[in-house]
Amino acid sequence: MDGELLLWIGCTSSYRVPDLASSFMHILRALKVDFKYLGSNEGCCGSILLRLGLRKEFSEVAKKTLNLIRSTGARKLVTHCPGCLRAFRLDYPLQLGTDLGLEVQHSTQIILDHVKPSILKPVEIKAVYFDPCHLGRHMNVYEPPRHLLNMIPGMKLIELNESREASLCCGAGGGVRACFEELALAVAQEVLDYIKLTGAEAIITACPFCYHNFKTASDGSLKVLDITQVIQASIEGGLHGSLGGRS
């Protein structure tokens, strides 16, 4: 794998929402980006352990994961999970005293580096882009997702007052969903109800964890989408049908 791109799937995409991992892979292949992934050898980045205050356990998992990633010889790692992104770029250096030794990007950053507007077909939908906590406030990745969505013909983005640094939370992060599922879903439902007031047909996020929590909480009156699904549909010319309407 020396010199190649390593795709880190993450636990949520691997076990909860594998369709998002599939969509991201379809996009990379359509953009002719070569990549490898670890499959069943991929473990956990350990982010949830640190959020729960289990620093010793996090360090143990992180050391194993760090050795695994370095053994691939990859020069760049890309992940769609903002929690993994934060762990690799911020938490590993802080907790282990060393970084991965390779560049780490979010999915939206590498897609933006390679996509050409000419390959994007119309997606007629009015939507709110929702800034994930880990991706936005923690990693300062605000513009790449918006640039990508605004490149898609027919896409009408509604910007909430509570966006970017002031974005709301989906309710699932920080171990809340793991420990207090009802609370996490109640927060998600409140966010969805608020977004409906804008007249949006959909909420689009760039985080498997946000997507899963919103999808679980949704009553179907607002479409819950991940940005990889939207981009894949645009590249493939609506192959999967309209993204508007009900979930």
Protein backbone atom coordinates (compact mmCIF):
# COMPACT_ATOMS: atom_id res chain seq x y z
CA MET A 1 0.00 0.00 0.00
CA ASP A 2 3.07 2.22 0.08
CA GLY A 3 2.38 5.68 -1.31
CA GLU A 4 -1.36 5.13 -1.57
CA LEU A 5 -4.44 6.57 0.04
CA LEU A 6 -5.87 4.71 3.02
CA LEU A 7 -9.62 4.96 3.49
CA TRP A 8 -10.60 4.68 7.14
CA ILE A 9 -14.26 3.62 7.33
CA GLY A 10 -14.96 4.06 11.06
CA CYS A 11 -17.22 2.09 13.38
CA THR A 12 -20.49 3.91 12.64
CA SER A 13 -20.20 3.56 8.87
CA SER A 14 -19.01 -0.03 9.19
CA TYR A 15 -21.78 -1.28 11.45
CA ARG A 16 -24.63 1.25 11.59
CA VAL A 17 -24.80 2.97 8.21
CA PRO A 18 -22.69 0.98 5.70
CA ASP A 19 -24.51 2.65 2.81
CA LEU A 20 -22.51 5.80 3.52
CA ALA A 21 -19.21 3.95 3.21
CA SER A 22 -20.46 2.49 -0.06
CA SER A 23 -21.45 5.94 -1.36
CA PHE A 24 -18.05 7.40 -0.52
CA MET A 25 -16.27 4.53 -2.26
CA HIS A 26 -18.47 4.99 -5.35
CA ILE A 27 -17.52 8.67 -5.42
CA LEU A 28 -13.78 8.01 -5.12
CA ARG A 29 -13.94 5.46 -7.93
CA ALA A 30 -15.94 7.83 -10.12
CA LEU A 31 -13.28 10.49 -9.52
CA LYS A 32 -10.56 7.93 -10.33
CA VAL A 33 -8.96 8.25 -6.90
CA ASP A 34 -7.01 5.11 -6.01
CA PHE A 35 -7.45 3.92 -2.44
CA LYS A 36 -7.14 0.94 -0.16
CA TYR A 37 -9.02 0.04 2.99
CA LEU A 38 -8.39 -2.37 5.85
CA GLY A 39 -11.67 -4.28 5.80
CA SER A 40 -12.03 -6.64 8.73
CA ASN A 41 -8.59 -5.61 10.00
CA GLU A 42 -9.80 -2.09 10.77
CA GLY A 43 -10.43 -1.52 14.45
CA CYS A 44 -11.75 1.50 16.35
CA CYS A 45 -9.99 4.86 16.51
CA GLY A 46 -10.94 4.99 20.20
CA SER A 47 -12.68 8.37 20.08
CA ILE A 48 -15.69 7.27 22.13
CA LEU A 49 -13.42 6.06 24.94
CA LEU A 50 -11.82 9.46 25.28
CA ARG A 51 -15.21 11.20 25.21
CA LEU A 52 -16.26 8.98 28.13
CA GLY A 53 -13.13 9.86 30.09
CA LEU A 54 -11.46 6.47 29.67
CA ARG A 55 -8.01 7.86 28.89
CA LYS A 56 -6.03 4.72 29.68
CA GLU A 57 -8.27 2.56 27.52
CA PHE A 58 -8.13 5.17 24.75
CA SER A 59 -4.34 5.18 24.78
CA GLU A 60 -4.23 1.39 24.52
CA VAL A 61 -6.58 1.35 21.53
CA ALA A 62 -4.88 4.34 19.91
CA LYS A 63 -1.42 2.73 20.09
CA LYS A 64 -2.68 -0.41 18.34
CA THR A 65 -4.51 1.62 15.72
CA LEU A 66 -1.52 3.88 15.14
CA ASN A 67 0.76 0.88 14.56
CA LEU A 68 -1.78 -0.65 12.18
CA ILE A 69 -2.08 2.52 10.12
CA ARG A 70 1.68 3.03 9.95
CA SER A 71 2.18 -0.58 8.85
CA THR A 72 0.23 0.12 5.65
CA GLY A 73 2.84 2.56 4.37
CA ALA A 74 0.08 4.92 3.25
CA ARG A 75 0.97 8.57 2.88
CA LYS A 76 -2.52 9.93 3.31
CA LEU A 77 -5.58 8.84 5.30
CA VAL A 78 -9.12 9.95 4.52
CA THR A 79 -12.22 9.32 6.60
CA HIS A 80 -15.87 10.36 6.40
CA CYS A 81 -16.21 10.24 10.19
CA PRO A 82 -15.46 13.58 11.89
CA GLY A 83 -14.97 11.77 15.20
CA CYS A 84 -12.20 9.68 13.67
CA LEU A 85 -10.79 12.77 11.96
CA ARG A 86 -10.53 14.60 15.27
CA ALA A 87 -9.03 11.57 16.99
CA PHE A 88 -6.30 11.15 14.38
CA ARG A 89 -5.43 14.82 13.96
CA LEU A 90 -5.87 16.16 17.49
CA ASP A 91 -6.30 13.45 20.12
CA TYR A 92 -3.55 11.05 19.06
CA PRO A 93 -0.82 13.73 19.16
CA LEU A 94 -2.13 15.07 22.47
CA GLN A 95 -2.59 11.74 24.24
CA LEU A 96 0.24 9.71 22.68
CA GLY A 97 2.74 12.48 22.12
CA THR A 98 3.03 11.62 18.42
CA ASP A 99 1.05 12.05 15.23
CA LEU A 100 0.23 9.54 12.51
CA GLY A 101 3.06 10.69 10.27
CA LEU A 102 0.72 11.11 7.32
CA GLU A 103 -1.80 13.63 6.07
CA VAL A 104 -5.37 13.17 7.34
CA GLN A 105 -8.36 14.58 5.45
CA HIS A 106 -12.13 14.52 5.72
CA SER A 107 -14.08 13.03 2.83
CA THR A 108 -15.42 16.41 1.71
CA GLN A 109 -11.91 17.80 1.43
CA ILE A 110 -10.60 15.07 -0.86
CA ILE A 111 -13.77 15.08 -2.97
CA LEU A 112 -13.46 18.84 -3.43
CA ASP A 113 -9.82 18.39 -4.48
CA HIS A 114 -10.81 16.05 -7.32
CA VAL A 115 -14.36 16.75 -8.46
CA LYS A 116 -15.13 18.73 -11.62
CA PRO A 117 -18.45 20.61 -11.94
CA SER A 118 -18.98 19.14 -15.41
CA ILE A 119 -19.66 15.65 -14.01
CA LEU A 120 -22.36 16.79 -11.59
CA LYS A 121 -25.99 16.39 -12.67
CA PRO A 122 -28.94 18.29 -11.15
CA VAL A 123 -30.34 17.37 -7.77
CA GLU A 124 -33.49 19.43 -7.31
CA ILE A 125 -33.87 19.84 -3.58
CA LYS A 126 -34.11 22.58 -0.96
CA ALA A 127 -31.99 21.64 2.02
CA VAL A 128 -30.22 22.77 5.17
CA TYR A 129 -26.58 21.75 5.57
CA PHE A 130 -25.99 20.77 9.21
CA ASP A 131 -22.49 21.35 10.62
CA PRO A 132 -21.38 18.35 12.72
CA CYS A 133 -19.71 19.34 16.01
CA HIS A 134 -16.51 17.36 15.44
CA LEU A 135 -16.14 18.52 11.84
CA GLY A 136 -17.00 22.16 12.40
CA ARG A 137 -16.18 23.50 15.85
CA HIS A 138 -13.48 20.90 16.51
CA MET A 139 -11.75 20.74 13.11
CA ASN A 140 -12.81 24.03 11.49
CA VAL A 141 -14.09 22.30 8.33
CA TYR A 142 -17.02 24.49 7.33
CA GLU A 143 -16.58 25.43 3.69
CA PRO A 144 -15.71 22.22 1.78
CA PRO A 145 -19.17 20.64 2.32
CA ARG A 146 -20.90 23.88 1.32
CA HIS A 147 -18.70 24.33 -1.76
CA LEU A 148 -19.54 20.80 -2.89
CA LEU A 149 -23.27 21.19 -2.40
CA ASN A 150 -23.31 24.58 -4.13
CA MET A 151 -21.58 23.00 -7.15
CA ILE A 152 -24.58 20.72 -7.71
CA PRO A 153 -27.13 22.15 -10.17
CA GLY A 154 -30.59 22.50 -8.66
CA MET A 155 -29.35 22.43 -5.07
CA LYS A 156 -30.85 25.22 -2.96
CA LEU A 157 -29.14 25.57 0.40
CA ILE A 158 -30.79 27.29 3.33
CA GLU A 159 -28.35 28.68 5.89
CA LEU A 160 -29.55 28.55 9.48
CA ASN A 161 -28.72 31.36 11.89
CA GLU A 162 -27.32 28.57 14.05
CA SER A 163 -24.61 27.38 11.68
CA ARG A 164 -20.84 27.05 11.51
CA GLU A 165 -19.41 27.94 14.96
CA ALA A 166 -22.94 28.45 16.32
CA SER A 167 -24.29 25.19 14.93
CA LEU A 168 -26.69 23.09 16.93
CA CYS A 169 -25.74 19.55 18.03
CA CYS A 170 -27.45 16.41 16.74
CA GLY A 171 -27.59 15.14 20.32
CA ALA A 172 -25.53 11.99 19.88
CA GLY A 173 -21.95 13.09 20.51
CA GLY A 174 -19.82 12.96 23.63
CA GLY A 175 -21.15 9.52 24.55
CA VAL A 176 -24.71 10.85 25.01
CA ARG A 177 -26.30 8.43 22.56
CA ALA A 178 -24.37 5.51 24.06
CA CYS A 179 -25.51 6.34 27.61
CA PHE A 180 -28.74 8.30 27.17
CA GLU A 181 -30.35 7.25 23.88
CA GLU A 182 -33.76 8.79 24.61
CA LEU A 183 -32.16 12.16 25.33
CA ALA A 184 -30.06 11.97 22.16
CA LEU A 185 -33.13 11.23 20.04
CA ALA A 186 -35.15 13.98 21.73
CA VAL A 187 -32.46 16.53 20.88
CA ALA A 188 -32.36 15.28 17.28
CA GLN A 189 -36.14 15.55 16.96
CA GLU A 190 -36.04 19.12 18.26
CA VAL A 191 -33.44 20.03 15.62
CA LEU A 192 -35.48 18.39 12.86
CA ASP A 193 -38.64 20.20 13.94
CA TYR A 194 -36.76 23.50 13.89
CA ILE A 195 -35.40 22.87 10.40
CA LYS A 196 -38.88 22.08 9.08
CA LEU A 197 -39.85 25.67 9.90
CA THR A 198 -37.41 26.90 7.22
CA GLY A 199 -39.35 25.17 4.46
CA ALA A 200 -36.46 22.82 3.73
CA GLU A 201 -37.18 19.42 2.22
CA ALA A 202 -34.07 17.85 3.67
CA ILE A 203 -31.28 18.06 6.18
CA ILE A 204 -27.84 17.17 4.81
CA THR A 205 -24.94 16.39 7.11
CA ALA A 206 -21.38 15.13 6.66
CA CYS A 207 -21.13 12.81 9.65
CA PRO A 208 -22.29 9.18 9.93
CA PHE A 209 -23.09 9.68 13.62
CA CYS A 210 -25.29 12.75 12.97
CA TYR A 211 -26.93 10.97 10.04
CA HIS A 212 -27.71 7.87 12.11
CA ASN A 213 -29.16 9.86 15.01
CA PHE A 214 -31.30 12.09 12.79
CA LYS A 215 -32.44 9.12 10.71
CA THR A 216 -33.50 7.22 13.83
CA ALA A 217 -35.36 10.23 15.25
CA SER A 218 -37.03 11.27 11.99
CA ASP A 219 -40.75 10.73 11.40
CA GLY A 220 -40.13 10.89 7.65
CA SER A 221 -41.54 14.36 7.04
CA LEU A 222 -38.02 15.74 6.51
CA LYS A 223 -35.54 13.87 4.36
CA VAL A 224 -32.35 12.94 6.23
CA LEU A 225 -29.36 12.76 3.88
CA ASP A 226 -25.62 12.42 4.06
CA ILE A 227 -23.52 14.51 1.70
CA THR A 228 -21.99 11.37 0.16
CA GLN A 229 -25.46 10.19 -0.89
CA VAL A 230 -26.21 13.53 -2.52
CA ILE A 231 -22.90 13.69 -4.38
CA GLN A 232 -23.19 10.09 -5.55
CA ALA A 233 -26.69 10.75 -6.88
CA SER A 234 -25.45 13.87 -8.67
CA ILE A 235 -22.50 12.06 -10.26
CA GLU A 236 -24.65 9.12 -11.32
CA GLY A 237 -27.36 11.32 -12.80
CA GLY A 238 -30.12 10.48 -10.34
CA LEU A 239 -29.57 6.77 -10.73
CA HIS A 240 -31.05 6.18 -7.29
CA GLY A 241 -34.13 8.31 -7.92
CA SER A 242 -35.18 11.62 -6.42
CA LEU A 243 -33.62 12.58 -3.11
CA GLY A 244 -36.54 14.82 -2.24
CA GLY A 245 -39.71 13.92 -0.41
CA ARG A 246 -40.07 11.52 2.49
CA SER A 247 -37.40 9.37 4.09
